Amino acid sequence: MNEMDNRMKILLSFAAAVCTSAVVAKSADGKTGRLLVADYCGKESEIVVDVKNAGALVSAEIFDHERDFVPACVQMKDGRLMLKKEIDGSAAFLVKFDLSKGLNNL
């Protein structure tokens, strides 16, 4: 397993509600990674994802029953990504990472 594959595997390790799932992908050139996080139950107001060594956060978007791919309220601290829903109910986040940069380059 190479370093980029290992980074994407780390993205799958996260502490969130049981009703939360994640899908990860990386670009063909290995420079960009995407993380799709979905909360199907809608009980939590914040989803926390462990993204240590995943690369630098580039952007995050949310879509739910009122919004369709608009910029999301997110925070990154100590290798953990906090995704705030702001509206009760189910939601999904699409997060983009620059895999060529470490978390210290945010």
N, C-alpha and C. Protein backbone atom coordinates (compact mmCIF):
# COMPACT_ATOMS: atom_id res chain seq x y z
N MET A 1 0.85 -1.17 0.00
CA MET A 1 0.00 0.00 0.00
C MET A 1 0.90 1.24 0.00
N ASN A 2 0.67 2.15 -0.96
CA ASN A 2 1.51 3.35 -1.00
C ASN A 2 0.97 4.43 -0.05
N GLU A 3 1.70 5.53 0.07
CA GLU A 3 1.36 6.58 1.03
C GLU A 3 -0.01 7.20 0.75
N MET A 4 -0.35 7.44 -0.52
CA MET A 4 -1.64 8.04 -0.86
C MET A 4 -2.78 7.09 -0.48
N ASP A 5 -2.62 5.78 -0.76
CA ASP A 5 -3.66 4.82 -0.39
C ASP A 5 -3.83 4.78 1.12
N ASN A 6 -2.72 4.86 1.85
CA ASN A 6 -2.77 4.86 3.30
C ASN A 6 -3.51 6.09 3.81
N ARG A 7 -3.29 7.26 3.20
CA ARG A 7 -4.01 8.47 3.60
C ARG A 7 -5.50 8.30 3.43
N MET A 8 -5.91 7.71 2.33
CA MET A 8 -7.33 7.54 2.08
C MET A 8 -7.93 6.52 3.06
N LYS A 9 -7.16 5.50 3.44
CA LYS A 9 -7.62 4.54 4.42
C LYS A 9 -7.84 5.23 5.76
N ILE A 10 -6.96 6.15 6.11
CA ILE A 10 -7.08 6.88 7.37
C ILE A 10 -8.36 7.72 7.37
N LEU A 11 -8.75 8.23 6.22
CA LEU A 11 -9.99 9.02 6.14
C LEU A 11 -11.21 8.22 6.58
N LEU A 12 -11.17 6.91 6.38
CA LEU A 12 -12.31 6.08 6.73
C LEU A 12 -12.45 5.88 8.23
N SER A 13 -11.39 6.17 8.97
CA SER A 13 -11.43 6.01 10.42
C SER A 13 -11.95 7.29 11.03
N PHE A 14 -13.19 7.29 11.48
CA PHE A 14 -13.74 8.50 12.05
C PHE A 14 -14.67 8.18 13.21
N ALA A 15 -14.81 9.18 14.11
CA ALA A 15 -15.69 9.04 15.26
C ALA A 15 -16.94 9.86 14.99
N ALA A 16 -18.04 9.19 14.71
CA ALA A 16 -19.30 9.88 14.42
C ALA A 16 -20.45 8.97 14.80
N ALA A 17 -21.65 9.43 14.58
CA ALA A 17 -22.84 8.66 14.91
C ALA A 17 -22.90 7.39 14.09
N VAL A 18 -23.59 6.38 14.62
CA VAL A 18 -23.74 5.10 13.94
C VAL A 18 -24.41 5.28 12.59
N CYS A 19 -25.23 6.30 12.45
CA CYS A 19 -25.98 6.54 11.21
C CYS A 19 -25.18 7.35 10.19
N THR A 20 -23.89 7.44 10.38
CA THR A 20 -23.04 8.21 9.48
C THR A 20 -22.19 7.26 8.65
N SER A 21 -22.04 7.57 7.38
CA SER A 21 -21.17 6.76 6.53
C SER A 21 -20.27 7.68 5.72
N ALA A 22 -19.20 7.10 5.17
CA ALA A 22 -18.24 7.89 4.40
C ALA A 22 -17.78 7.11 3.18
N VAL A 23 -17.48 7.86 2.13
CA VAL A 23 -16.90 7.32 0.90
C VAL A 23 -15.73 8.22 0.55
N VAL A 24 -14.61 7.64 0.17
CA VAL A 24 -13.44 8.43 -0.21
C VAL A 24 -13.00 8.09 -1.62
N ALA A 25 -12.35 9.06 -2.25
CA ALA A 25 -11.82 8.88 -3.59
C ALA A 25 -10.64 9.81 -3.77
N LYS A 26 -9.75 9.46 -4.69
CA LYS A 26 -8.65 10.35 -5.02
C LYS A 26 -8.56 10.48 -6.53
N SER A 27 -8.00 11.59 -6.97
CA SER A 27 -7.87 11.86 -8.39
C SER A 27 -6.85 10.91 -9.01
N ALA A 28 -6.90 10.79 -10.33
CA ALA A 28 -5.99 9.90 -11.04
C ALA A 28 -4.53 10.27 -10.82
N ASP A 29 -4.25 11.58 -10.67
CA ASP A 29 -2.87 12.01 -10.45
C ASP A 29 -2.46 11.94 -8.98
N GLY A 30 -3.40 11.59 -8.08
CA GLY A 30 -3.11 11.45 -6.67
C GLY A 30 -2.95 12.74 -5.91
N LYS A 31 -3.26 13.87 -6.52
CA LYS A 31 -3.06 15.17 -5.87
C LYS A 31 -4.27 15.65 -5.08
N THR A 32 -5.45 15.17 -5.42
CA THR A 32 -6.68 15.64 -4.79
C THR A 32 -7.47 14.46 -4.24
N GLY A 33 -8.02 14.64 -3.05
CA GLY A 33 -8.88 13.63 -2.45
C GLY A 33 -10.23 14.22 -2.15
N ARG A 34 -11.26 13.40 -2.20
CA ARG A 34 -12.62 13.82 -1.87
C ARG A 34 -13.16 12.88 -0.80
N LEU A 35 -13.88 13.45 0.13
CA LEU A 35 -14.52 12.69 1.19
C LEU A 35 -16.00 13.06 1.19
N LEU A 36 -16.86 12.07 1.06
CA LEU A 36 -18.30 12.27 1.13
C LEU A 36 -18.77 11.67 2.45
N VAL A 37 -19.34 12.50 3.31
CA VAL A 37 -19.83 12.07 4.62
C VAL A 37 -21.33 12.32 4.65
N ALA A 38 -22.10 11.28 4.98
CA ALA A 38 -23.55 11.41 5.04
C ALA A 38 -24.06 11.01 6.41
N ASP A 39 -24.96 11.81 6.95
CA ASP A 39 -25.63 11.53 8.22
C ASP A 39 -27.09 11.25 7.88
N TYR A 40 -27.49 9.99 7.97
CA TYR A 40 -28.83 9.59 7.57
C TYR A 40 -29.88 9.79 8.65
N CYS A 41 -29.47 9.80 9.90
CA CYS A 41 -30.44 9.92 11.01
C CYS A 41 -30.77 11.36 11.34
N GLY A 42 -29.81 12.24 11.15
CA GLY A 42 -30.06 13.65 11.41
C GLY A 42 -30.09 14.03 12.87
N LYS A 43 -29.59 13.18 13.76
CA LYS A 43 -29.66 13.46 15.19
C LYS A 43 -28.55 14.38 15.67
N GLU A 44 -27.37 14.30 15.08
CA GLU A 44 -26.22 15.08 15.53
C GLU A 44 -26.18 16.43 14.82
N SER A 45 -25.78 17.48 15.55
CA SER A 45 -25.63 18.79 14.92
C SER A 45 -24.23 18.98 14.34
N GLU A 46 -23.31 18.11 14.76
CA GLU A 46 -21.93 18.17 14.27
C GLU A 46 -21.42 16.75 14.05
N ILE A 47 -20.70 16.56 12.97
CA ILE A 47 -20.08 15.29 12.66
C ILE A 47 -18.57 15.50 12.73
N VAL A 48 -17.88 14.64 13.46
CA VAL A 48 -16.44 14.74 13.63
C VAL A 48 -15.77 13.59 12.88
N VAL A 49 -14.79 13.94 12.02
CA VAL A 49 -14.11 12.95 11.20
C VAL A 49 -12.61 13.03 11.47
N ASP A 50 -11.98 11.89 11.71
CA ASP A 50 -10.54 11.82 11.89
C ASP A 50 -9.88 11.84 10.51
N VAL A 51 -9.13 12.90 10.22
CA VAL A 51 -8.49 13.04 8.91
C VAL A 51 -6.99 13.27 9.04
N LYS A 52 -6.36 12.71 10.07
CA LYS A 52 -4.92 12.87 10.25
C LYS A 52 -4.19 12.39 9.01
N ASN A 53 -3.22 13.18 8.57
CA ASN A 53 -2.39 12.87 7.40
C ASN A 53 -3.16 12.81 6.10
N ALA A 54 -4.34 13.39 6.07
CA ALA A 54 -5.16 13.34 4.86
C ALA A 54 -4.79 14.42 3.85
N GLY A 55 -4.05 15.41 4.25
CA GLY A 55 -3.72 16.52 3.36
C GLY A 55 -4.37 17.79 3.85
N ALA A 56 -4.19 18.86 3.12
CA ALA A 56 -4.73 20.16 3.51
C ALA A 56 -6.17 20.30 3.04
N LEU A 57 -7.02 20.81 3.90
CA LEU A 57 -8.41 21.05 3.56
C LEU A 57 -8.49 22.16 2.52
N VAL A 58 -9.20 21.91 1.44
CA VAL A 58 -9.37 22.90 0.37
C VAL A 58 -10.75 23.53 0.45
N SER A 59 -11.78 22.70 0.53
CA SER A 59 -13.15 23.21 0.57
C SER A 59 -14.09 22.15 1.13
N ALA A 60 -15.27 22.60 1.51
CA ALA A 60 -16.31 21.68 1.98
C ALA A 60 -17.66 22.26 1.60
N GLU A 61 -18.54 21.39 1.14
CA GLU A 61 -19.89 21.80 0.76
C GLU A 61 -20.89 20.89 1.47
N ILE A 62 -22.07 21.42 1.72
CA ILE A 62 -23.13 20.66 2.35
C ILE A 62 -24.35 20.62 1.44
N PHE A 63 -25.07 19.50 1.50
CA PHE A 63 -26.39 19.47 0.87
C PHE A 63 -27.34 18.74 1.82
N ASP A 64 -28.53 19.32 1.95
CA ASP A 64 -29.57 18.78 2.83
C ASP A 64 -30.93 19.15 2.24
N HIS A 65 -31.98 19.10 3.04
CA HIS A 65 -33.33 19.35 2.52
C HIS A 65 -33.59 20.82 2.20
N GLU A 66 -32.68 21.73 2.57
CA GLU A 66 -32.86 23.15 2.26
C GLU A 66 -31.75 23.74 1.40
N ARG A 67 -30.60 23.06 1.34
CA ARG A 67 -29.43 23.60 0.63
C ARG A 67 -28.88 22.55 -0.34
N ASP A 68 -28.29 23.03 -1.43
CA ASP A 68 -27.76 22.13 -2.44
C ASP A 68 -26.34 22.55 -2.79
N PHE A 69 -25.36 21.86 -2.20
CA PHE A 69 -23.93 22.11 -2.44
C PHE A 69 -23.55 23.58 -2.23
N VAL A 70 -23.74 24.05 -1.02
CA VAL A 70 -23.30 25.39 -0.63
C VAL A 70 -22.12 25.24 0.33
N PRO A 71 -21.28 26.26 0.46
CA PRO A 71 -20.13 26.16 1.38
C PRO A 71 -20.59 25.77 2.79
N ALA A 72 -19.86 24.83 3.38
CA ALA A 72 -20.21 24.32 4.70
C ALA A 72 -19.38 24.98 5.79
N CYS A 73 -19.95 25.02 6.98
CA CYS A 73 -19.26 25.53 8.17
C CYS A 73 -18.42 24.37 8.73
N VAL A 74 -17.11 24.46 8.58
CA VAL A 74 -16.22 23.40 9.04
C VAL A 74 -15.05 23.99 9.83
N GLN A 75 -14.49 23.17 10.70
CA GLN A 75 -13.28 23.52 11.42
C GLN A 75 -12.35 22.33 11.37
N MET A 76 -11.05 22.61 11.33
CA MET A 76 -10.04 21.56 11.34
C MET A 76 -9.12 21.84 12.52
N LYS A 77 -8.96 20.83 13.38
CA LYS A 77 -8.08 21.00 14.53
C LYS A 77 -7.51 19.64 14.92
N ASP A 78 -6.19 19.60 15.07
CA ASP A 78 -5.50 18.39 15.52
C ASP A 78 -5.89 17.15 14.71
N GLY A 79 -6.00 17.31 13.41
CA GLY A 79 -6.31 16.18 12.54
C GLY A 79 -7.75 15.72 12.59
N ARG A 80 -8.62 16.55 13.13
CA ARG A 80 -10.04 16.22 13.19
C ARG A 80 -10.84 17.30 12.45
N LEU A 81 -11.74 16.85 11.63
CA LEU A 81 -12.59 17.73 10.84
C LEU A 81 -13.97 17.77 11.50
N MET A 82 -14.42 18.97 11.87
CA MET A 82 -15.74 19.14 12.48
C MET A 82 -16.67 19.76 11.45
N LEU A 83 -17.71 19.03 11.10
CA LEU A 83 -18.69 19.45 10.09
C LEU A 83 -19.98 19.83 10.80
N LYS A 84 -20.37 21.09 10.72
CA LYS A 84 -21.58 21.58 11.40
C LYS A 84 -22.75 21.60 10.43
N LYS A 85 -23.86 20.99 10.86
CA LYS A 85 -25.04 20.90 9.99
C LYS A 85 -25.86 22.17 9.96
N GLU A 86 -26.06 22.84 11.06
CA GLU A 86 -26.82 24.09 11.18
C GLU A 86 -28.33 23.92 11.03
N ILE A 87 -28.80 22.85 10.40
CA ILE A 87 -30.22 22.58 10.24
C ILE A 87 -30.46 21.14 10.70
N ASP A 88 -31.53 20.92 11.48
CA ASP A 88 -31.86 19.57 11.94
C ASP A 88 -32.21 18.69 10.75
N GLY A 89 -31.88 17.42 10.86
CA GLY A 89 -32.22 16.45 9.83
C GLY A 89 -30.99 15.88 9.15
N SER A 90 -31.22 15.05 8.17
CA SER A 90 -30.14 14.41 7.42
C SER A 90 -29.38 15.42 6.59
N ALA A 91 -28.10 15.12 6.37
CA ALA A 91 -27.26 16.00 5.56
C ALA A 91 -26.05 15.21 5.04
N ALA A 92 -25.44 15.74 4.00
CA ALA A 92 -24.22 15.16 3.46
C ALA A 92 -23.22 16.28 3.19
N PHE A 93 -21.95 15.96 3.33
CA PHE A 93 -20.87 16.90 3.10
C PHE A 93 -19.93 16.33 2.05
N LEU A 94 -19.47 17.18 1.15
CA LEU A 94 -18.46 16.81 0.18
C LEU A 94 -17.24 17.67 0.48
N VAL A 95 -16.15 17.02 0.90
CA VAL A 95 -14.95 17.72 1.35
C VAL A 95 -13.81 17.42 0.38
N LYS A 96 -13.07 18.46 0.02
CA LYS A 96 -11.94 18.33 -0.91
C LYS A 96 -10.64 18.58 -0.15
N PHE A 97 -9.65 17.70 -0.38
CA PHE A 97 -8.33 17.82 0.23
C PHE A 97 -7.26 17.90 -0.84
N ASP A 98 -6.22 18.67 -0.55
CA ASP A 98 -5.01 18.69 -1.37
C ASP A 98 -4.08 17.66 -0.75
N LEU A 99 -3.93 16.51 -1.39
CA LEU A 99 -3.14 15.43 -0.84
C LEU A 99 -1.64 15.65 -0.94
N SER A 100 -1.22 16.66 -1.68
CA SER A 100 0.21 16.93 -1.80
C SER A 100 0.74 17.75 -0.63
N LYS A 101 -0.16 18.24 0.24
CA LYS A 101 0.22 19.05 1.38
C LYS A 101 -0.20 18.37 2.67
N GLY A 102 0.62 18.49 3.68
CA GLY A 102 0.29 17.95 5.00
C GLY A 102 -0.61 18.89 5.75
N LEU A 103 -1.13 18.43 6.89
CA LEU A 103 -2.03 19.24 7.69
C LEU A 103 -1.36 20.49 8.23
N ASN A 104 -0.01 20.50 8.34
CA ASN A 104 0.69 21.69 8.83
C ASN A 104 0.68 22.82 7.82
N ASN A 105 0.26 22.56 6.60
CA ASN A 105 0.26 23.57 5.54
C ASN A 105 -1.11 24.20 5.34
N LEU A 106 -2.00 24.10 6.31
CA LEU A 106 -3.34 24.67 6.15
C LEU A 106 -3.29 26.17 6.00
